[in-house]
Amino acid sequence: MYTIDKYIGEFQTSINSFINNKPKKQLIIAPTGTGKTTAILNYADCNPSKRLILLCPFRFLVDNIEKDNSNIACGYGAEFLYKTKQHVL
């Protein structure tokens, strides 16, 4: 778990190291508006071979990510996860 209480951009290098050094599951906790999504998307851009899942609590966040990042598969709920899993396996 990595907890942040400031703007996350200040910690991008630390976040990248955290993700790279933990082989399986990571949890990043930070308040709304600190840039968690941006940091993860920056990480994904720099590491295209990594498989990442970013969970969002609201559909509008998913829609915004999809609108701004055409190279990222986005969707909602279990049906999307099932379809995505089928393409990966």
PDB file of N, CA and C in Angstrom:
ATOM      1  N   MET A   1       0.855  -1.163   0.000  1.00  0.00           N
ATOM      2  CA  MET A   1       0.000   0.000   0.000  1.00  0.00           C
ATOM      3  C   MET A   1       0.902   1.227   0.000  1.00  0.00           C
ATOM      4  N   TYR A   2       0.533   2.222  -0.785  1.00  0.00           N
ATOM      5  CA  TYR A   2       1.279   3.464  -0.883  1.00  0.00           C
ATOM      6  C   TYR A   2       0.286   4.584  -0.618  1.00  0.00           C
ATOM      7  N   THR A   3       0.476   5.323   0.466  1.00  0.00           N
ATOM      8  CA  THR A   3      -0.452   6.381   0.846  1.00  0.00           C
ATOM      9  C   THR A   3       0.159   7.738   0.523  1.00  0.00           C
ATOM     10  N   ILE A   4      -0.636   8.611  -0.074  1.00  0.00           N
ATOM     11  CA  ILE A   4      -0.180   9.925  -0.508  1.00  0.00           C
ATOM     12  C   ILE A   4      -1.142  10.980   0.022  1.00  0.00           C
ATOM     13  N   ASP A   5      -0.601  12.090   0.512  1.00  0.00           N
ATOM     14  CA  ASP A   5      -1.474  13.157   0.998  1.00  0.00           C
ATOM     15  C   ASP A   5      -1.227  14.478   0.283  1.00  0.00           C
ATOM     16  N   LYS A   6      -0.374  14.496  -0.750  1.00  0.00           N
ATOM     17  CA  LYS A   6      -0.098  15.687  -1.545  1.00  0.00           C
ATOM     18  C   LYS A   6      -0.385  15.349  -3.000  1.00  0.00           C
ATOM     19  N   TYR A   7      -0.106  16.318  -3.885  1.00  0.00           N
ATOM     20  CA  TYR A   7      -0.305  16.041  -5.308  1.00  0.00           C
ATOM     21  C   TYR A   7       0.632  14.922  -5.736  1.00  0.00           C
ATOM     22  N   ILE A   8       0.090  13.928  -6.340  1.00  0.00           N
ATOM     23  CA  ILE A   8       0.816  12.701  -6.649  1.00  0.00           C
ATOM     24  C   ILE A   8       1.945  12.893  -7.656  1.00  0.00           C
ATOM     25  N   GLY A   9       1.862  13.902  -8.513  1.00  0.00           N
ATOM     26  CA  GLY A   9       2.920  14.148  -9.484  1.00  0.00           C
ATOM     27  C   GLY A   9       4.277  14.321  -8.833  1.00  0.00           C
ATOM     28  N   GLU A  10       4.281  14.815  -7.607  1.00  0.00           N
ATOM     29  CA  GLU A  10       5.527  14.987  -6.866  1.00  0.00           C
ATOM     30  C   GLU A  10       6.170  13.641  -6.532  1.00  0.00           C
ATOM     31  N   PHE A  11       5.402  12.578  -6.616  1.00  0.00           N
ATOM     32  CA  PHE A  11       5.859  11.250  -6.216  1.00  0.00           C
ATOM     33  C   PHE A  11       5.947  10.274  -7.384  1.00  0.00           C
ATOM     34  N   GLN A  12       5.900  10.763  -8.635  1.00  0.00           N
ATOM     35  CA  GLN A  12       5.825   9.856  -9.783  1.00  0.00           C
ATOM     36  C   GLN A  12       6.967   8.837  -9.775  1.00  0.00           C
ATOM     37  N   THR A  13       8.176   9.265  -9.502  1.00  0.00           N
ATOM     38  CA  THR A  13       9.307   8.346  -9.483  1.00  0.00           C
ATOM     39  C   THR A  13       9.127   7.288  -8.403  1.00  0.00           C
ATOM     40  N   SER A  14       8.679   7.709  -7.227  1.00  0.00           N
ATOM     41  CA  SER A  14       8.444   6.749  -6.133  1.00  0.00           C
ATOM     42  C   SER A  14       7.330   5.780  -6.489  1.00  0.00           C
ATOM     43  N   ILE A  15       6.288   6.277  -7.120  1.00  0.00           N
ATOM     44  CA  ILE A  15       5.180   5.409  -7.518  1.00  0.00           C
ATOM     45  C   ILE A  15       5.649   4.397  -8.552  1.00  0.00           C
ATOM     46  N   ASN A  16       6.429   4.848  -9.533  1.00  0.00           N
ATOM     47  CA  ASN A  16       6.951   3.923 -10.542  1.00  0.00           C
ATOM     48  C   ASN A  16       7.776   2.825  -9.882  1.00  0.00           C
ATOM     49  N   SER A  17       8.631   3.193  -8.944  1.00  0.00           N
ATOM     50  CA  SER A  17       9.440   2.202  -8.228  1.00  0.00           C
ATOM     51  C   SER A  17       8.568   1.247  -7.435  1.00  0.00           C
ATOM     52  N   PHE A  18       7.554   1.790  -6.772  1.00  0.00           N
ATOM     53  CA  PHE A  18       6.629   0.971  -5.992  1.00  0.00           C
ATOM     54  C   PHE A  18       5.971  -0.077  -6.877  1.00  0.00           C
ATOM     55  N   ILE A  19       5.478   0.340  -8.027  1.00  0.00           N
ATOM     56  CA  ILE A  19       4.801  -0.589  -8.927  1.00  0.00           C
ATOM     57  C   ILE A  19       5.798  -1.611  -9.470  1.00  0.00           C
ATOM     58  N   ASN A  20       6.974  -1.168  -9.857  1.00  0.00           N
ATOM     59  CA  ASN A  20       7.973  -2.080 -10.424  1.00  0.00           C
ATOM     60  C   ASN A  20       8.489  -3.094  -9.416  1.00  0.00           C
ATOM     61  N   ASN A  21       8.555  -2.732  -8.154  1.00  0.00           N
ATOM     62  CA  ASN A  21       9.132  -3.613  -7.137  1.00  0.00           C
ATOM     63  C   ASN A  21       8.131  -4.551  -6.488  1.00  0.00           C
ATOM     64  N   LYS A  22       6.877  -4.368  -6.750  1.00  0.00           N
ATOM     65  CA  LYS A  22       5.840  -5.242  -6.206  1.00  0.00           C
ATOM     66  C   LYS A  22       5.271  -6.049  -7.371  1.00  0.00           C
ATOM     67  N   PRO A  23       5.563  -7.339  -7.450  1.00  0.00           N
ATOM     68  CA  PRO A  23       5.235  -8.108  -8.644  1.00  0.00           C
ATOM     69  C   PRO A  23       3.752  -8.366  -8.905  1.00  0.00           C
ATOM     70  N   LYS A  24       2.927  -8.268  -7.922  1.00  0.00           N
ATOM     71  CA  LYS A  24       1.526  -8.626  -8.151  1.00  0.00           C
ATOM     72  C   LYS A  24       0.586  -7.437  -7.970  1.00  0.00           C
ATOM     73  N   LYS A  25       0.046  -7.294  -6.807  1.00  0.00           N
ATOM     74  CA  LYS A  25      -1.024  -6.321  -6.576  1.00  0.00           C
ATOM     75  C   LYS A  25      -0.511  -5.124  -5.790  1.00  0.00           C
ATOM     76  N   GLN A  26      -0.917  -3.947  -6.233  1.00  0.00           N
ATOM     77  CA  GLN A  26      -0.599  -2.722  -5.527  1.00  0.00           C
ATOM     78  C   GLN A  26      -1.874  -1.957  -5.242  1.00  0.00           C
ATOM     79  N   LEU A  27      -1.815  -1.169  -4.200  1.00  0.00           N
ATOM     80  CA  LEU A  27      -2.933  -0.314  -3.844  1.00  0.00           C
ATOM     81  C   LEU A  27      -2.363   1.063  -3.552  1.00  0.00           C
ATOM     82  N   ILE A  28      -2.838   2.050  -4.280  1.00  0.00           N
ATOM     83  CA  ILE A  28      -2.405   3.424  -4.057  1.00  0.00           C
ATOM     84  C   ILE A  28      -3.591   4.187  -3.496  1.00  0.00           C
ATOM     85  N   ILE A  29      -3.396   4.792  -2.344  1.00  0.00           N
ATOM     86  CA  ILE A  29      -4.467   5.525  -1.670  1.00  0.00           C
ATOM     87  C   ILE A  29      -4.092   6.995  -1.620  1.00  0.00           C
ATOM     88  N   ALA A  30      -4.988   7.845  -2.086  1.00  0.00           N
ATOM     89  CA  ALA A  30      -4.769   9.289  -2.033  1.00  0.00           C
ATOM     90  C   ALA A  30      -6.126   9.975  -2.170  1.00  0.00           C
ATOM     91  N   PRO A  31      -6.250  11.172  -1.635  1.00  0.00           N
ATOM     92  CA  PRO A  31      -7.523  11.895  -1.725  1.00  0.00           C
ATOM     93  C   PRO A  31      -7.893  12.247  -3.168  1.00  0.00           C
ATOM     94  N   THR A  32      -9.145  12.572  -3.372  1.00  0.00           N
ATOM     95  CA  THR A  32      -9.639  13.016  -4.666  1.00  0.00           C
ATOM     96  C   THR A  32      -8.858  14.233  -5.130  1.00  0.00           C
ATOM     97  N   GLY A  33      -8.523  14.240  -6.414  1.00  0.00           N
ATOM     98  CA  GLY A  33      -7.854  15.395  -6.997  1.00  0.00           C
ATOM     99  C   GLY A  33      -6.353  15.431  -6.841  1.00  0.00           C
ATOM    100  N   THR A  34      -5.758  14.355  -6.323  1.00  0.00           N
ATOM    101  CA  THR A  34      -4.304  14.356  -6.142  1.00  0.00           C
ATOM    102  C   THR A  34      -3.552  13.845  -7.368  1.00  0.00           C
ATOM    103  N   GLY A  35      -4.267  13.316  -8.348  1.00  0.00           N
ATOM    104  CA  GLY A  35      -3.623  12.894  -9.583  1.00  0.00           C
ATOM    105  C   GLY A  35      -3.306  11.416  -9.683  1.00  0.00           C
ATOM    106  N   LYS A  36      -4.023  10.575  -8.938  1.00  0.00           N
ATOM    107  CA  LYS A  36      -3.776   9.129  -8.979  1.00  0.00           C
ATOM    108  C   LYS A  36      -3.929   8.581 -10.393  1.00  0.00           C
ATOM    109  N   THR A  37      -5.012   8.937 -11.046  1.00  0.00           N
ATOM    110  CA  THR A  37      -5.279   8.429 -12.389  1.00  0.00           C
ATOM    111  C   THR A  37      -4.189   8.881 -13.347  1.00  0.00           C
ATOM    112  N   THR A  38      -3.817  10.133 -13.285  1.00  0.00           N
ATOM    113  CA  THR A  38      -2.768  10.660 -14.155  1.00  0.00           C
ATOM    114  C   THR A  38      -1.456   9.929 -13.928  1.00  0.00           C
ATOM    115  N   ALA A  39      -1.107   9.681 -12.681  1.00  0.00           N
ATOM    116  CA  ALA A  39       0.141   8.979 -12.368  1.00  0.00           C
ATOM    117  C   ALA A  39       0.134   7.565 -12.933  1.00  0.00           C
ATOM    118  N   ILE A  40      -0.970   6.862 -12.794  1.00  0.00           N
ATOM    119  CA  ILE A  40      -1.056   5.488 -13.315  1.00  0.00           C
ATOM    120  C   ILE A  40      -1.021   5.491 -14.841  1.00  0.00           C
ATOM    121  N   LEU A  41      -1.707   6.447 -15.464  1.00  0.00           N
ATOM    122  CA  LEU A  41      -1.679   6.532 -16.924  1.00  0.00           C
ATOM    123  C   LEU A  41      -0.277   6.889 -17.422  1.00  0.00           C
ATOM    124  N   ASN A  42       0.422   7.764 -16.716  1.00  0.00           N
ATOM    125  CA  ASN A  42       1.811   8.068 -17.070  1.00  0.00           C
ATOM    126  C   ASN A  42       2.670   6.818 -16.964  1.00  0.00           C
ATOM    127  N   TYR A  43       2.475   6.067 -15.906  1.00  0.00           N
ATOM    128  CA  TYR A  43       3.217   4.814 -15.729  1.00  0.00           C
ATOM    129  C   TYR A  43       2.907   3.852 -16.889  1.00  0.00           C
ATOM    130  N   ALA A  44       1.636   3.721 -17.233  1.00  0.00           N
ATOM    131  CA  ALA A  44       1.241   2.811 -18.311  1.00  0.00           C
ATOM    132  C   ALA A  44       1.868   3.234 -19.646  1.00  0.00           C
ATOM    133  N   ASP A  45       1.921   4.542 -19.907  1.00  0.00           N
ATOM    134  CA  ASP A  45       2.539   5.022 -21.144  1.00  0.00           C
ATOM    135  C   ASP A  45       4.026   4.661 -21.211  1.00  0.00           C
ATOM    136  N   CYS A  46       4.684   4.713 -20.076  1.00  0.00           N
ATOM    137  CA  CYS A  46       6.122   4.415 -20.021  1.00  0.00           C
ATOM    138  C   CYS A  46       6.412   2.915 -19.956  1.00  0.00           C
ATOM    139  N   ASN A  47       5.401   2.108 -19.700  1.00  0.00           N
ATOM    140  CA  ASN A  47       5.572   0.660 -19.541  1.00  0.00           C
ATOM    141  C   ASN A  47       4.496  -0.087 -20.321  1.00  0.00           C
ATOM    142  N   PRO A  48       4.503   0.029 -21.649  1.00  0.00           N
ATOM    143  CA  PRO A  48       3.415  -0.558 -22.443  1.00  0.00           C
ATOM    144  C   PRO A  48       3.309  -2.081 -22.372  1.00  0.00           C
ATOM    145  N   SER A  49       4.369  -2.755 -21.939  1.00  0.00           N
ATOM    146  CA  SER A  49       4.310  -4.215 -21.866  1.00  0.00           C
ATOM    147  C   SER A  49       3.638  -4.706 -20.581  1.00  0.00           C
ATOM    148  N   LYS A  50       3.411  -3.817 -19.626  1.00  0.00           N
ATOM    149  CA  LYS A  50       2.781  -4.202 -18.351  1.00  0.00           C
ATOM    150  C   LYS A  50       1.267  -4.269 -18.518  1.00  0.00           C
ATOM    151  N   ARG A  51       0.675  -5.231 -17.851  1.00  0.00           N
ATOM    152  CA  ARG A  51      -0.787  -5.337 -17.807  1.00  0.00           C
ATOM    153  C   ARG A  51      -1.261  -4.648 -16.541  1.00  0.00           C
ATOM    154  N   LEU A  52      -2.096  -3.644 -16.694  1.00  0.00           N
ATOM    155  CA  LEU A  52      -2.590  -2.878 -15.556  1.00  0.00           C
ATOM    156  C   LEU A  52      -4.105  -2.815 -15.586  1.00  0.00           C
ATOM    157  N   ILE A  53      -4.684  -2.798 -14.414  1.00  0.00           N
ATOM    158  CA  ILE A  53      -6.117  -2.577 -14.277  1.00  0.00           C
ATOM    159  C   ILE A  53      -6.285  -1.394 -13.346  1.00  0.00           C
ATOM    160  N   LEU A  54      -7.011  -0.415 -13.800  1.00  0.00           N
ATOM    161  CA  LEU A  54      -7.304   0.771 -13.003  1.00  0.00           C
ATOM    162  C   LEU A  54      -8.801   0.777 -12.746  1.00  0.00           C
ATOM    163  N   LEU A  55      -9.172   0.638 -11.492  1.00  0.00           N
ATOM    164  CA  LEU A  55     -10.585   0.624 -11.128  1.00  0.00           C
ATOM    165  C   LEU A  55     -11.030   2.037 -10.775  1.00  0.00           C
ATOM    166  N   CYS A  56     -12.161   2.428 -11.300  1.00  0.00           N
ATOM    167  CA  CYS A  56     -12.698   3.768 -11.052  1.00  0.00           C
ATOM    168  C   CYS A  56     -14.092   3.640 -10.439  1.00  0.00           C
ATOM    169  N   PRO A  57     -14.392   4.456  -9.443  1.00  0.00           N
ATOM    170  CA  PRO A  57     -15.681   4.334  -8.777  1.00  0.00           C
ATOM    171  C   PRO A  57     -16.856   4.954  -9.538  1.00  0.00           C
ATOM    172  N   PHE A  58     -16.563   5.723 -10.586  1.00  0.00           N
ATOM    173  CA  PHE A  58     -17.635   6.402 -11.306  1.00  0.00           C
ATOM    174  C   PHE A  58     -17.457   6.229 -12.812  1.00  0.00           C
ATOM    175  N   ARG A  59     -18.575   6.068 -13.523  1.00  0.00           N
ATOM    176  CA  ARG A  59     -18.522   5.890 -14.972  1.00  0.00           C
ATOM    177  C   ARG A  59     -17.905   7.080 -15.684  1.00  0.00           C
ATOM    178  N   PHE A  60     -18.150   8.291 -15.191  1.00  0.00           N
ATOM    179  CA  PHE A  60     -17.609   9.457 -15.882  1.00  0.00           C
ATOM    180  C   PHE A  60     -16.077   9.445 -15.871  1.00  0.00           C
ATOM    181  N   LEU A  61     -15.464   8.850 -14.848  1.00  0.00           N
ATOM    182  CA  LEU A  61     -14.008   8.727 -14.840  1.00  0.00           C
ATOM    183  C   LEU A  61     -13.545   7.776 -15.941  1.00  0.00           C
ATOM    184  N   VAL A  62     -14.236   6.659 -16.076  1.00  0.00           N
ATOM    185  CA  VAL A  62     -13.915   5.705 -17.141  1.00  0.00           C
ATOM    186  C   VAL A  62     -14.077   6.373 -18.501  1.00  0.00           C
ATOM    187  N   ASP A  63     -15.166   7.102 -18.676  1.00  0.00           N
ATOM    188  CA  ASP A  63     -15.415   7.788 -19.944  1.00  0.00           C
ATOM    189  C   ASP A  63     -14.324   8.811 -20.248  1.00  0.00           C
ATOM    190  N   ASN A  64     -13.878   9.550 -19.236  1.00  0.00           N
ATOM    191  CA  ASN A  64     -12.814  10.540 -19.441  1.00  0.00           C
ATOM    192  C   ASN A  64     -11.496   9.871 -19.807  1.00  0.00           C
ATOM    193  N   ILE A  65     -11.177   8.779 -19.146  1.00  0.00           N
ATOM    194  CA  ILE A  65      -9.944   8.054 -19.473  1.00  0.00           C
ATOM    195  C   ILE A  65     -10.005   7.562 -20.912  1.00  0.00           C
ATOM    196  N   GLU A  66     -11.134   6.983 -21.295  1.00  0.00           N
ATOM    197  CA  GLU A  66     -11.287   6.459 -22.651  1.00  0.00           C
ATOM    198  C   GLU A  66     -11.193   7.578 -23.690  1.00  0.00           C
ATOM    199  N   LYS A  67     -11.809   8.711 -23.404  1.00  0.00           N
ATOM    200  CA  LYS A  67     -11.805   9.849 -24.329  1.00  0.00           C
ATOM    201  C   LYS A  67     -10.393  10.380 -24.546  1.00  0.00           C
ATOM    202  N   ASP A  68      -9.611  10.451 -23.485  1.00  0.00           N
ATOM    203  CA  ASP A  68      -8.279  11.053 -23.551  1.00  0.00           C
ATOM    204  C   ASP A  68      -7.163  10.056 -23.872  1.00  0.00           C
ATOM    205  N   ASN A  69      -7.469   8.761 -23.878  1.00  0.00           N
ATOM    206  CA  ASN A  69      -6.439   7.728 -24.068  1.00  0.00           C
ATOM    207  C   ASN A  69      -6.976   6.626 -24.967  1.00  0.00           C
ATOM    208  N   SER A  70      -6.917   6.845 -26.254  1.00  0.00           N
ATOM    209  CA  SER A  70      -7.510   5.898 -27.196  1.00  0.00           C
ATOM    210  C   SER A  70      -6.808   4.541 -27.204  1.00  0.00           C
ATOM    211  N   ASN A  71      -5.597   4.463 -26.647  1.00  0.00           N
ATOM    212  CA  ASN A  71      -4.861   3.201 -26.627  1.00  0.00           C
ATOM    213  C   ASN A  71      -5.191   2.327 -25.422  1.00  0.00           C
ATOM    214  N   ILE A  72      -6.104   2.784 -24.575  1.00  0.00           N
ATOM    215  CA  ILE A  72      -6.453   2.042 -23.369  1.00  0.00           C
ATOM    216  C   ILE A  72      -7.858   1.479 -23.505  1.00  0.00           C
ATOM    217  N   ALA A  73      -8.007   0.185 -23.236  1.00  0.00           N
ATOM    218  CA  ALA A  73      -9.325  -0.444 -23.259  1.00  0.00           C
ATOM    219  C   ALA A  73     -10.075  -0.052 -21.990  1.00  0.00           C
ATOM    220  N   CYS A  74     -11.266   0.455 -22.165  1.00  0.00           N
ATOM    221  CA  CYS A  74     -12.082   0.897 -21.030  1.00  0.00           C
ATOM    222  C   CYS A  74     -13.453   0.239 -21.097  1.00  0.00           C
ATOM    223  N   GLY A  75     -14.080   0.080 -19.947  1.00  0.00           N
ATOM    224  CA  GLY A  75     -15.408  -0.490 -19.900  1.00  0.00           C
ATOM    225  C   GLY A  75     -15.931  -0.504 -18.488  1.00  0.00           C
ATOM    226  N   TYR A  76     -17.100  -1.131 -18.330  1.00  0.00           N
ATOM    227  CA  TYR A  76     -17.786  -1.118 -17.046  1.00  0.00           C
ATOM    228  C   TYR A  76     -18.061  -2.544 -16.569  1.00  0.00           C
ATOM    229  N   GLY A  77     -17.791  -2.793 -15.325  1.00  0.00           N
ATOM    230  CA  GLY A  77     -18.251  -3.977 -14.621  1.00  0.00           C
ATOM    231  C   GLY A  77     -17.682  -5.307 -15.058  1.00  0.00           C
ATOM    232  N   ALA A  78     -18.344  -6.335 -14.563  1.00  0.00           N
ATOM    233  CA  ALA A  78     -17.886  -7.712 -14.737  1.00  0.00           C
ATOM    234  C   ALA A  78     -17.869  -8.142 -16.199  1.00  0.00           C
ATOM    235  N   GLU A  79     -18.812  -7.674 -16.994  1.00  0.00           N
ATOM    236  CA  GLU A  79     -18.856  -8.064 -18.405  1.00  0.00           C
ATOM    237  C   GLU A  79     -17.593  -7.585 -19.128  1.00  0.00           C
ATOM    238  N   PHE A  80     -17.177  -6.353 -18.862  1.00  0.00           N
ATOM    239  CA  PHE A  80     -15.957  -5.830 -19.471  1.00  0.00           C
ATOM    240  C   PHE A  80     -14.740  -6.630 -19.016  1.00  0.00           C
ATOM    241  N   LEU A  81     -14.661  -6.921 -17.720  1.00  0.00           N
ATOM    242  CA  LEU A  81     -13.535  -7.702 -17.212  1.00  0.00           C
ATOM    243  C   LEU A  81     -13.486  -9.078 -17.863  1.00  0.00           C
ATOM    244  N   TYR A  82     -14.638  -9.700 -18.042  1.00  0.00           N
ATOM    245  CA  TYR A  82     -14.682 -11.021 -18.671  1.00  0.00           C
ATOM    246  C   TYR A  82     -14.198 -10.942 -20.116  1.00  0.00           C
ATOM    247  N   LYS A  83     -14.681  -9.969 -20.884  1.00  0.00           N
ATOM    248  CA  LYS A  83     -14.261  -9.817 -22.275  1.00  0.00           C
ATOM    249  C   LYS A  83     -12.772  -9.521 -22.363  1.00  0.00           C
ATOM    250  N   THR A  84     -12.275  -8.666 -21.499  1.00  0.00           N
ATOM    251  CA  THR A  84     -10.862  -8.305 -21.503  1.00  0.00           C
ATOM    252  C   THR A  84     -10.004  -9.513 -21.175  1.00  0.00           C
ATOM    253  N   LYS A  85     -10.434 -10.287 -20.196  1.00  0.00           N
ATOM    254  CA  LYS A  85      -9.693 -11.486 -19.811  1.00  0.00           C
ATOM    255  C   LYS A  85      -9.609 -12.463 -20.987  1.00  0.00           C
ATOM    256  N   GLN A  86     -10.683 -12.589 -21.752  1.00  0.00           N
ATOM    257  CA  GLN A  86     -10.701 -13.494 -22.884  1.00  0.00           C
ATOM    258  C   GLN A  86      -9.686 -13.071 -23.950  1.00  0.00           C
ATOM    259  N   HIS A  87      -9.491 -11.757 -24.142  1.00  0.00           N
ATOM    260  CA  HIS A  87      -8.545 -11.265 -25.137  1.00  0.00           C
ATOM    261  C   HIS A  87      -7.103 -11.436 -24.679  1.00  0.00           C
ATOM    262  N   VAL A  88      -6.874 -11.424 -23.390  1.00  0.00           N
ATOM    263  CA  VAL A  88      -5.525 -11.534 -22.841  1.00  0.00           C
ATOM    264  C   VAL A  88      -5.051 -12.973 -22.828  1.00  0.00           C
ATOM    265  N   LEU A  89      -5.965 -13.885 -22.541  1.00  0.00           N
ATOM    266  CA  LEU A  89      -5.580 -15.310 -22.430  1.00  0.00           C
ATOM    267  C   LEU A  89      -5.429 -15.982 -23.733  1.00  0.00           C
TER     268      LEU A  89
END
